[in-house]
Amino acid sequence: MSSIYSRRNVLRVCGAGLCLGITGLGGCSEVLSSRELGHFVEVFNLMKSTETFVVEVTNRDGERLYRREFRLSGDKGEEGTEAFSGVPARITVTSDRYGTIRRKWPETDCGSNSAGGADLYLTAKGVQVQPDCSTQYLE
């Protein structure tokens, strides 16, 4: 009889531990899902020379959502830049080499895992902008 009692205790303790574990995970998923996705710009200098340039993203009304100056050595890139919110409509690159170049923000169909971003490539032929569906969150 004592072996049944000890088995019940073991089951009771394990069941309580399982419930606590599930409850703990539920709280974690709420914290993770409450993070807001953000847009982003990743830049790549595909030329041999060091380039300094400014990237600015604006919405339809011309309001600035993002602005940053980059200085990249040749064949270098910068990924994981800070995310920003809003609805981007235009991306502008200003440099001594290219002057001011304006492009439409790239269309993305990233689903629920990404707000959508832009990969910006400086090449000998000019500036290229392509969509990126990496996941980045607002700070």
N, C-alpha and C. Protein backbone atom coordinates (compact mmCIF):
# COMPACT_ATOMS: atom_id res chain seq x y z
N MET A 1 0.81 -1.19 0.00
CA MET A 1 0.00 0.00 0.00
C MET A 1 0.85 1.26 0.00
N SER A 2 1.96 1.21 0.66
CA SER A 2 2.81 2.38 0.71
C SER A 2 3.43 2.67 -0.68
N SER A 3 3.61 1.62 -1.51
CA SER A 3 4.16 1.86 -2.84
C SER A 3 3.16 2.62 -3.72
N ILE A 4 1.86 2.37 -3.57
CA ILE A 4 0.84 3.11 -4.33
C ILE A 4 0.83 4.56 -3.87
N TYR A 5 0.91 4.76 -2.57
CA TYR A 5 0.92 6.11 -2.03
C TYR A 5 2.12 6.88 -2.56
N SER A 6 3.28 6.27 -2.60
CA SER A 6 4.47 6.97 -3.09
C SER A 6 4.37 7.22 -4.60
N ARG A 7 3.73 6.30 -5.34
CA ARG A 7 3.53 6.51 -6.76
C ARG A 7 2.60 7.70 -6.99
N ARG A 8 1.55 7.80 -6.18
CA ARG A 8 0.64 8.95 -6.28
C ARG A 8 1.38 10.25 -6.00
N ASN A 9 2.23 10.22 -5.01
CA ASN A 9 2.99 11.43 -4.69
C ASN A 9 3.90 11.83 -5.86
N VAL A 10 4.53 10.84 -6.43
CA VAL A 10 5.40 11.11 -7.57
C VAL A 10 4.59 11.72 -8.72
N LEU A 11 3.43 11.12 -9.03
CA LEU A 11 2.58 11.65 -10.10
C LEU A 11 2.09 13.05 -9.78
N ARG A 12 1.72 13.26 -8.55
CA ARG A 12 1.23 14.58 -8.12
C ARG A 12 2.33 15.63 -8.28
N VAL A 13 3.53 15.32 -7.84
CA VAL A 13 4.65 16.26 -7.93
C VAL A 13 5.00 16.53 -9.40
N CYS A 14 5.05 15.47 -10.20
CA CYS A 14 5.36 15.64 -11.62
C CYS A 14 4.28 16.46 -12.32
N GLY A 15 3.04 16.20 -12.01
CA GLY A 15 1.94 16.96 -12.61
C GLY A 15 2.01 18.43 -12.24
N ALA A 16 2.31 18.72 -10.99
CA ALA A 16 2.43 20.11 -10.56
C ALA A 16 3.59 20.79 -11.28
N GLY A 17 4.70 20.07 -11.41
CA GLY A 17 5.85 20.63 -12.12
C GLY A 17 5.54 20.90 -13.58
N LEU A 18 4.79 20.00 -14.22
CA LEU A 18 4.40 20.18 -15.61
C LEU A 18 3.51 21.40 -15.77
N CYS A 19 2.56 21.56 -14.85
CA CYS A 19 1.67 22.73 -14.91
C CYS A 19 2.47 24.01 -14.74
N LEU A 20 3.40 24.04 -13.81
CA LEU A 20 4.22 25.24 -13.61
C LEU A 20 5.06 25.53 -14.84
N GLY A 21 5.60 24.49 -15.45
CA GLY A 21 6.40 24.67 -16.66
C GLY A 21 5.58 25.25 -17.80
N ILE A 22 4.38 24.73 -17.99
CA ILE A 22 3.50 25.22 -19.06
C ILE A 22 3.09 26.66 -18.78
N THR A 23 2.77 26.96 -17.54
CA THR A 23 2.39 28.32 -17.17
C THR A 23 3.55 29.27 -17.44
N GLY A 24 4.75 28.85 -17.09
CA GLY A 24 5.93 29.68 -17.33
C GLY A 24 6.16 29.94 -18.80
N LEU A 25 5.97 28.94 -19.62
CA LEU A 25 6.13 29.12 -21.06
C LEU A 25 5.07 30.06 -21.62
N GLY A 26 3.87 29.97 -21.09
CA GLY A 26 2.81 30.85 -21.55
C GLY A 26 3.17 32.31 -21.34
N GLY A 27 3.76 32.61 -20.22
CA GLY A 27 4.20 33.97 -19.95
C GLY A 27 5.30 34.40 -20.90
N CYS A 28 6.22 33.49 -21.20
CA CYS A 28 7.31 33.83 -22.12
C CYS A 28 6.78 34.12 -23.51
N SER A 29 5.84 33.35 -23.97
CA SER A 29 5.33 33.57 -25.32
C SER A 29 4.62 34.91 -25.41
N GLU A 30 3.97 35.35 -24.32
CA GLU A 30 3.34 36.66 -24.35
C GLU A 30 4.37 37.76 -24.50
N VAL A 31 5.49 37.64 -23.78
CA VAL A 31 6.54 38.64 -23.86
C VAL A 31 7.13 38.67 -25.26
N LEU A 32 7.42 37.50 -25.84
CA LEU A 32 8.00 37.46 -27.17
C LEU A 32 7.05 37.99 -28.23
N SER A 33 5.78 37.66 -28.14
CA SER A 33 4.84 38.08 -29.17
C SER A 33 4.49 39.55 -29.06
N SER A 34 4.80 40.20 -27.94
CA SER A 34 4.47 41.61 -27.77
C SER A 34 5.53 42.50 -28.41
N ARG A 35 6.64 41.95 -28.86
CA ARG A 35 7.67 42.74 -29.51
C ARG A 35 7.17 43.17 -30.88
N GLU A 36 7.41 44.43 -31.22
CA GLU A 36 6.92 44.98 -32.47
C GLU A 36 7.99 44.87 -33.56
N LEU A 37 7.59 44.34 -34.71
CA LEU A 37 8.49 44.24 -35.85
C LEU A 37 8.82 45.63 -36.39
N GLY A 38 10.01 45.81 -36.90
CA GLY A 38 10.41 47.09 -37.47
C GLY A 38 11.01 46.94 -38.85
N HIS A 39 10.98 48.03 -39.61
CA HIS A 39 11.64 48.09 -40.92
C HIS A 39 13.13 48.34 -40.68
N PHE A 40 13.95 48.10 -41.69
CA PHE A 40 15.39 48.28 -41.53
C PHE A 40 16.04 48.50 -42.89
N VAL A 41 17.28 49.00 -42.84
CA VAL A 41 18.09 49.18 -44.05
C VAL A 41 19.44 48.51 -43.78
N GLU A 42 19.86 47.63 -44.67
CA GLU A 42 21.19 47.03 -44.59
C GLU A 42 21.97 47.52 -45.80
N VAL A 43 23.23 47.88 -45.61
CA VAL A 43 23.99 48.50 -46.69
C VAL A 43 25.24 47.68 -47.00
N PHE A 44 25.60 47.68 -48.29
CA PHE A 44 26.75 46.91 -48.77
C PHE A 44 27.50 47.75 -49.80
N ASN A 45 28.79 47.95 -49.57
CA ASN A 45 29.64 48.67 -50.50
C ASN A 45 30.39 47.63 -51.34
N LEU A 46 29.97 47.44 -52.57
CA LEU A 46 30.56 46.42 -53.44
C LEU A 46 31.74 46.95 -54.25
N MET A 47 32.13 48.20 -54.00
CA MET A 47 33.26 48.78 -54.72
C MET A 47 34.54 48.55 -53.92
N LYS A 48 35.67 48.89 -54.51
CA LYS A 48 36.98 48.72 -53.84
C LYS A 48 37.31 49.88 -52.91
N SER A 49 36.75 51.05 -53.17
CA SER A 49 37.08 52.24 -52.40
C SER A 49 36.16 52.41 -51.18
N THR A 50 36.65 53.14 -50.18
CA THR A 50 35.83 53.48 -49.02
C THR A 50 34.82 54.54 -49.45
N GLU A 51 33.57 54.36 -49.05
CA GLU A 51 32.51 55.29 -49.43
C GLU A 51 31.79 55.80 -48.19
N THR A 52 31.48 57.10 -48.21
CA THR A 52 30.67 57.72 -47.16
C THR A 52 29.39 58.19 -47.80
N PHE A 53 28.26 57.84 -47.19
CA PHE A 53 26.97 58.19 -47.77
C PHE A 53 25.91 58.27 -46.67
N VAL A 54 24.85 58.97 -46.97
CA VAL A 54 23.73 59.13 -46.04
C VAL A 54 22.53 58.42 -46.63
N VAL A 55 21.84 57.65 -45.79
CA VAL A 55 20.61 56.97 -46.19
C VAL A 55 19.47 57.58 -45.39
N GLU A 56 18.42 57.94 -46.11
CA GLU A 56 17.24 58.49 -45.45
C GLU A 56 16.00 57.79 -46.00
N VAL A 57 15.07 57.45 -45.10
CA VAL A 57 13.81 56.82 -45.48
C VAL A 57 12.69 57.75 -45.04
N THR A 58 11.76 58.00 -45.96
CA THR A 58 10.62 58.87 -45.65
C THR A 58 9.31 58.16 -45.97
N ASN A 59 8.23 58.68 -45.40
CA ASN A 59 6.90 58.16 -45.71
C ASN A 59 6.30 58.95 -46.87
N ARG A 60 5.04 58.70 -47.20
CA ARG A 60 4.38 59.38 -48.33
C ARG A 60 4.33 60.90 -48.17
N ASP A 61 4.23 61.34 -46.91
CA ASP A 61 4.15 62.78 -46.64
C ASP A 61 5.52 63.45 -46.57
N GLY A 62 6.58 62.68 -46.81
CA GLY A 62 7.92 63.23 -46.77
C GLY A 62 8.50 63.32 -45.36
N GLU A 63 7.82 62.76 -44.38
CA GLU A 63 8.33 62.78 -43.01
C GLU A 63 9.43 61.73 -42.87
N ARG A 64 10.50 62.11 -42.21
CA ARG A 64 11.65 61.23 -42.03
C ARG A 64 11.34 60.14 -41.01
N LEU A 65 11.56 58.89 -41.42
CA LEU A 65 11.41 57.74 -40.54
C LEU A 65 12.77 57.23 -40.06
N TYR A 66 13.81 57.45 -40.89
CA TYR A 66 15.14 56.91 -40.60
C TYR A 66 16.17 57.76 -41.32
N ARG A 67 17.29 58.02 -40.66
CA ARG A 67 18.41 58.71 -41.31
C ARG A 67 19.69 58.26 -40.61
N ARG A 68 20.69 57.93 -41.44
CA ARG A 68 21.97 57.52 -40.88
C ARG A 68 23.08 57.71 -41.89
N GLU A 69 24.22 58.14 -41.41
CA GLU A 69 25.40 58.25 -42.26
C GLU A 69 26.25 56.98 -42.09
N PHE A 70 26.73 56.47 -43.20
CA PHE A 70 27.56 55.27 -43.21
C PHE A 70 28.92 55.60 -43.83
N ARG A 71 29.96 54.97 -43.33
CA ARG A 71 31.28 55.02 -43.95
C ARG A 71 31.76 53.58 -44.00
N LEU A 72 31.79 53.04 -45.21
CA LEU A 72 32.14 51.63 -45.39
C LEU A 72 33.36 51.47 -46.26
N SER A 73 34.27 50.64 -45.82
CA SER A 73 35.42 50.26 -46.64
C SER A 73 34.92 49.45 -47.83
N GLY A 74 35.78 49.31 -48.83
CA GLY A 74 35.42 48.53 -50.01
C GLY A 74 35.11 47.08 -49.66
N ASP A 75 34.13 46.53 -50.34
CA ASP A 75 33.69 45.14 -50.14
C ASP A 75 33.24 44.85 -48.72
N LYS A 76 32.66 45.83 -48.05
CA LYS A 76 32.15 45.65 -46.68
C LYS A 76 30.66 45.98 -46.65
N GLY A 77 29.99 45.48 -45.63
CA GLY A 77 28.58 45.76 -45.45
C GLY A 77 28.25 45.95 -43.99
N GLU A 78 27.06 46.45 -43.74
CA GLU A 78 26.59 46.57 -42.37
C GLU A 78 25.16 46.05 -42.32
N GLU A 79 25.01 44.97 -41.56
CA GLU A 79 23.70 44.35 -41.39
C GLU A 79 23.24 44.58 -39.96
N GLY A 80 21.97 44.33 -39.71
CA GLY A 80 21.45 44.47 -38.35
C GLY A 80 21.40 45.90 -37.87
N THR A 81 21.19 46.85 -38.79
CA THR A 81 21.07 48.25 -38.38
C THR A 81 19.79 48.43 -37.58
N GLU A 82 19.67 49.55 -36.89
CA GLU A 82 18.52 49.78 -36.03
C GLU A 82 17.21 49.80 -36.82
N ALA A 83 16.21 49.20 -36.24
CA ALA A 83 14.89 49.12 -36.88
C ALA A 83 14.12 50.41 -36.64
N PHE A 84 13.16 50.68 -37.50
CA PHE A 84 12.33 51.88 -37.36
C PHE A 84 10.88 51.55 -37.70
N SER A 85 9.99 52.41 -37.25
CA SER A 85 8.55 52.18 -37.48
C SER A 85 8.03 53.16 -38.53
N GLY A 86 6.77 53.01 -38.86
CA GLY A 86 6.13 53.85 -39.86
C GLY A 86 5.87 53.07 -41.13
N VAL A 87 5.44 53.79 -42.16
CA VAL A 87 5.18 53.17 -43.46
C VAL A 87 6.13 53.82 -44.48
N PRO A 88 7.25 53.17 -44.75
CA PRO A 88 8.22 53.76 -45.67
C PRO A 88 7.71 53.80 -47.10
N ALA A 89 8.02 54.90 -47.79
CA ALA A 89 7.62 55.05 -49.19
C ALA A 89 8.81 55.29 -50.10
N ARG A 90 9.85 55.95 -49.57
CA ARG A 90 10.98 56.33 -50.41
C ARG A 90 12.28 56.18 -49.62
N ILE A 91 13.33 55.76 -50.34
CA ILE A 91 14.67 55.68 -49.75
C ILE A 91 15.58 56.57 -50.60
N THR A 92 16.37 57.41 -49.93
CA THR A 92 17.24 58.35 -50.60
C THR A 92 18.68 58.11 -50.14
N VAL A 93 19.59 58.07 -51.11
CA VAL A 93 21.01 57.90 -50.82
C VAL A 93 21.73 59.14 -51.34
N THR A 94 22.53 59.75 -50.47
CA THR A 94 23.29 60.93 -50.86
C THR A 94 24.77 60.66 -50.62
N SER A 95 25.57 60.86 -51.67
CA SER A 95 27.02 60.68 -51.55
C SER A 95 27.72 61.60 -52.53
N ASP A 96 29.03 61.80 -52.31
CA ASP A 96 29.82 62.61 -53.26
C ASP A 96 29.89 61.93 -54.61
N ARG A 97 29.99 60.62 -54.62
CA ARG A 97 30.13 59.87 -55.88
C ARG A 97 28.85 59.92 -56.72
N TYR A 98 27.69 59.75 -56.10
CA TYR A 98 26.43 59.61 -56.84
C TYR A 98 25.52 60.84 -56.75
N GLY A 99 25.82 61.76 -55.88
CA GLY A 99 24.90 62.87 -55.65
C GLY A 99 23.72 62.33 -54.84
N THR A 100 22.52 62.76 -55.18
CA THR A 100 21.32 62.29 -54.48
C THR A 100 20.52 61.38 -55.40
N ILE A 101 20.28 60.16 -54.91
CA ILE A 101 19.52 59.18 -55.68
C ILE A 101 18.31 58.78 -54.85
N ARG A 102 17.14 58.86 -55.46
CA ARG A 102 15.89 58.49 -54.79
C ARG A 102 15.30 57.25 -55.43
N ARG A 103 14.87 56.34 -54.58
CA ARG A 103 14.23 55.12 -55.04
C ARG A 103 12.96 54.89 -54.23
N LYS A 104 12.02 54.20 -54.83
CA LYS A 104 10.81 53.77 -54.13
C LYS A 104 11.21 52.69 -53.12
N TRP A 105 10.59 52.72 -51.93
CA TRP A 105 10.84 51.66 -50.95
C TRP A 105 10.42 50.33 -51.57
N PRO A 106 11.22 49.29 -51.47
CA PRO A 106 10.90 48.03 -52.16
C PRO A 106 9.65 47.36 -51.59
N GLU A 107 8.84 46.83 -52.49
CA GLU A 107 7.65 46.08 -52.09
C GLU A 107 8.08 44.74 -51.51
N THR A 108 7.50 44.39 -50.37
CA THR A 108 7.79 43.10 -49.76
C THR A 108 6.51 42.37 -49.43
N ASP A 109 6.57 41.07 -49.46
CA ASP A 109 5.46 40.23 -49.03
C ASP A 109 6.07 39.22 -48.05
N CYS A 110 6.39 39.74 -46.86
CA CYS A 110 7.16 38.95 -45.89
C CYS A 110 6.30 38.14 -44.94
N GLY A 111 5.02 38.35 -44.92
CA GLY A 111 4.18 37.62 -43.96
C GLY A 111 4.30 38.23 -42.58
N SER A 112 4.02 37.43 -41.56
CA SER A 112 3.97 37.96 -40.20
C SER A 112 5.32 37.91 -39.49
N ASN A 113 6.38 37.41 -40.14
CA ASN A 113 7.69 37.30 -39.50
C ASN A 113 8.58 38.52 -39.72
N SER A 114 8.17 39.45 -40.57
CA SER A 114 9.01 40.60 -40.88
C SER A 114 8.16 41.77 -41.33
N ALA A 115 8.55 42.98 -40.91
CA ALA A 115 7.90 44.20 -41.40
C ALA A 115 8.43 44.55 -42.78
N GLY A 116 9.56 43.97 -43.15
CA GLY A 116 10.16 44.23 -44.46
C GLY A 116 11.24 45.29 -44.36
N GLY A 117 12.30 45.04 -45.07
CA GLY A 117 13.42 45.97 -45.06
C GLY A 117 13.97 46.15 -46.46
N ALA A 118 15.08 46.91 -46.53
CA ALA A 118 15.72 47.18 -47.81
C ALA A 118 17.20 46.88 -47.70
N ASP A 119 17.73 46.18 -48.70
CA ASP A 119 19.16 45.99 -48.85
C ASP A 119 19.63 46.97 -49.90
N LEU A 120 20.61 47.77 -49.55
CA LEU A 120 21.11 48.82 -50.42
C LEU A 120 22.53 48.47 -50.84
N TYR A 121 22.77 48.41 -52.15
CA TYR A 121 24.07 48.03 -52.69
C TYR A 121 24.67 49.20 -53.45
N LEU A 122 25.89 49.61 -53.07
CA LEU A 122 26.63 50.60 -53.83
C LEU A 122 27.53 49.84 -54.80
N THR A 123 27.36 50.09 -56.08
CA THR A 123 28.16 49.42 -57.10
C THR A 123 28.77 50.46 -58.02
N ALA A 124 29.69 50.04 -58.86
CA ALA A 124 30.30 50.95 -59.83
C ALA A 124 29.25 51.51 -60.80
N LYS A 125 28.15 50.79 -60.97
CA LYS A 125 27.10 51.23 -61.89
C LYS A 125 26.01 52.06 -61.21
N GLY A 126 26.06 52.20 -59.89
CA GLY A 126 25.06 53.00 -59.19
C GLY A 126 24.58 52.34 -57.91
N VAL A 127 23.39 52.72 -57.50
CA VAL A 127 22.79 52.23 -56.26
C VAL A 127 21.65 51.29 -56.59
N GLN A 128 21.66 50.12 -55.99
CA GLN A 128 20.58 49.16 -56.17
C GLN A 128 19.88 48.95 -54.83
N VAL A 129 18.56 48.84 -54.87
CA VAL A 129 17.77 48.59 -53.66
C VAL A 129 16.94 47.33 -53.89
N GLN A 130 17.03 46.39 -52.94
CA GLN A 130 16.27 45.14 -53.04
C GLN A 130 15.54 44.87 -51.73
N PRO A 131 14.40 44.18 -51.81
CA PRO A 131 13.66 43.87 -50.57
C PRO A 131 14.38 42.82 -49.73
N ASP A 132 14.11 42.86 -48.43
CA ASP A 132 14.70 41.91 -47.48
C ASP A 132 13.63 41.57 -46.45
N CYS A 133 13.44 40.29 -46.18
CA CYS A 133 12.41 39.85 -45.23
C CYS A 133 13.00 39.30 -43.93
N SER A 134 14.20 39.76 -43.57
CA SER A 134 14.76 39.36 -42.28
C SER A 134 13.88 39.89 -41.16
N THR A 135 13.97 39.27 -39.99
CA THR A 135 13.18 39.70 -38.85
C THR A 135 13.99 40.65 -37.98
N GLN A 136 13.45 41.85 -37.75
CA GLN A 136 14.07 42.81 -36.84
C GLN A 136 12.98 43.43 -36.00
N TYR A 137 13.30 43.68 -34.74
CA TYR A 137 12.34 44.25 -33.80
C TYR A 137 12.76 45.65 -33.41
N LEU A 138 11.77 46.47 -33.09
CA LEU A 138 12.03 47.80 -32.57
C LEU A 138 12.63 47.66 -31.18
N GLU A 139 13.51 48.54 -30.83
CA GLU A 139 14.14 48.50 -29.49
C GLU A 139 13.17 48.99 -28.44
